[in-house]
């Protein structure tokens, strides 16, 4: 191997499962936050499957991604979080959220 390839561990979660297994959006945001926080602390990438997710409300994003940004910065999200099976609308929503988050 010539060192050009970088292999890393990826933790995979399904956002729709989190939403269905929790009682409200704030709880779902906390579950997502804890998963992301754990992955970052282990220097492990996290893949979030967005299949079946119909919306990304601000409360969910604030409790999860916003908290990660506050604690670790936007670069941590960019470096460690991967979204899979994401729609164009979801991607635009996340991009807008990241751009506007202070």
Protein backbone atom coordinates (compact mmCIF):
# COMPACT_ATOMS: atom_id res chain seq x y z
CA UNK A 1 0.00 0.00 0.00
CA UNK A 2 1.40 3.38 -0.97
CA UNK A 3 -0.21 5.59 1.69
CA UNK A 4 -2.55 7.41 -0.69
CA UNK A 5 -5.64 5.81 0.79
CA UNK A 6 -6.94 6.72 4.20
CA UNK A 7 -9.07 4.12 5.92
CA UNK A 8 -11.20 4.98 8.89
CA UNK A 9 -13.90 3.49 11.03
CA UNK A 10 -17.49 4.56 10.33
CA UNK A 11 -20.34 4.32 12.79
CA UNK A 12 -23.69 4.09 10.99
CA UNK A 13 -27.06 5.26 12.27
CA UNK A 14 -30.47 5.71 10.67
CA UNK A 15 -32.12 9.03 11.42
CA UNK A 16 -35.61 7.68 10.77
CA UNK A 17 -35.08 5.00 13.44
CA UNK A 18 -34.07 7.68 15.95
CA UNK A 19 -37.16 9.72 15.12
CA UNK A 20 -39.44 6.70 15.50
CA UNK A 21 -37.83 5.47 18.73
CA UNK A 22 -38.06 8.77 20.63
CA UNK A 23 -41.02 10.63 22.05
CA UNK A 24 -40.29 14.07 20.63
CA UNK A 25 -37.91 16.06 18.44
CA UNK A 26 -35.82 17.28 21.36
CA UNK A 27 -35.25 13.70 22.51
CA UNK A 28 -34.35 12.69 18.96
CA UNK A 29 -31.90 15.61 18.80
CA UNK A 30 -30.28 14.46 22.04
CA UNK A 31 -29.88 10.91 20.71
CA UNK A 32 -28.31 12.25 17.50
CA UNK A 33 -26.06 14.60 19.50
CA UNK A 34 -24.85 11.76 21.75
CA UNK A 35 -24.07 9.55 18.74
CA UNK A 36 -22.13 12.32 16.99
CA UNK A 37 -20.32 13.34 20.19
CA UNK A 38 -19.29 9.74 20.87
CA UNK A 39 -18.02 9.28 17.32
CA UNK A 40 -15.99 12.50 17.42
CA UNK A 41 -14.48 11.62 20.80
CA UNK A 42 -13.33 8.28 19.34
CA UNK A 43 -12.08 10.02 16.15
CA UNK A 44 -14.56 7.86 14.27
CA UNK A 45 -16.68 9.01 11.35
CA UNK A 46 -20.44 8.75 11.62
CA UNK A 47 -22.72 8.04 8.69
CA UNK A 48 -26.29 9.27 9.12
CA UNK A 49 -28.76 7.59 6.79
CA UNK A 50 -31.53 10.06 5.98
CA UNK A 51 -33.79 7.65 4.11
CA UNK A 52 -37.44 8.18 5.06
CA UNK A 53 -36.86 11.48 6.90
CA UNK A 54 -39.44 14.01 5.77
CA UNK A 55 -38.25 17.17 7.53
CA UNK A 56 -35.43 18.62 9.59
CA UNK A 57 -37.02 20.96 12.15
CA UNK A 58 -34.89 23.62 13.83
CA UNK A 59 -35.38 22.11 17.31
CA UNK A 60 -33.86 18.83 16.12
CA UNK A 61 -30.93 20.58 14.46
CA UNK A 62 -30.31 22.98 17.35
CA UNK A 63 -30.23 20.21 19.97
CA UNK A 64 -27.93 18.01 17.88
CA UNK A 65 -25.83 19.78 15.25
CA UNK A 66 -25.97 23.19 16.91
CA UNK A 67 -24.68 21.75 20.17
CA UNK A 68 -21.84 19.97 18.37
CA UNK A 69 -20.93 23.23 16.61
CA UNK A 70 -20.95 25.09 19.93
CA UNK A 71 -18.68 22.53 21.55
CA UNK A 72 -16.40 21.48 18.69
CA UNK A 73 -16.87 23.93 15.81
CA UNK A 74 -18.31 23.51 12.33
CA UNK A 75 -15.18 21.78 11.10
CA UNK A 76 -15.83 18.81 13.39
CA UNK A 77 -19.15 18.22 11.66
CA UNK A 78 -17.54 18.52 8.26
CA UNK A 79 -14.69 16.22 9.25
CA UNK A 80 -16.64 13.47 11.02
CA UNK A 81 -20.28 13.46 9.86
CA UNK A 82 -21.40 11.93 6.57
CA UNK A 83 -25.01 12.05 5.40
CA UNK A 84 -26.23 9.16 3.23
CA UNK A 85 -29.38 8.80 1.15
CA UNK A 86 -29.99 12.49 1.57
CA UNK A 87 -32.40 14.35 -0.68
CA UNK A 88 -31.51 17.59 -2.40
CA UNK A 89 -34.01 19.41 -0.16
CA UNK A 90 -32.42 17.94 2.98
CA UNK A 91 -28.94 18.85 1.76
CA UNK A 92 -30.04 22.43 1.07
CA UNK A 93 -31.67 22.64 4.51
CA UNK A 94 -28.48 21.42 6.21
CA UNK A 95 -26.30 23.75 4.15
CA UNK A 96 -28.55 26.70 5.04
CA UNK A 97 -28.50 25.71 8.71
CA UNK A 98 -24.71 25.47 8.77
CA UNK A 99 -24.32 28.77 6.96
CA UNK A 100 -26.67 30.64 9.29
CA UNK A 101 -25.54 29.04 12.56
CA UNK A 102 -23.40 31.42 14.61
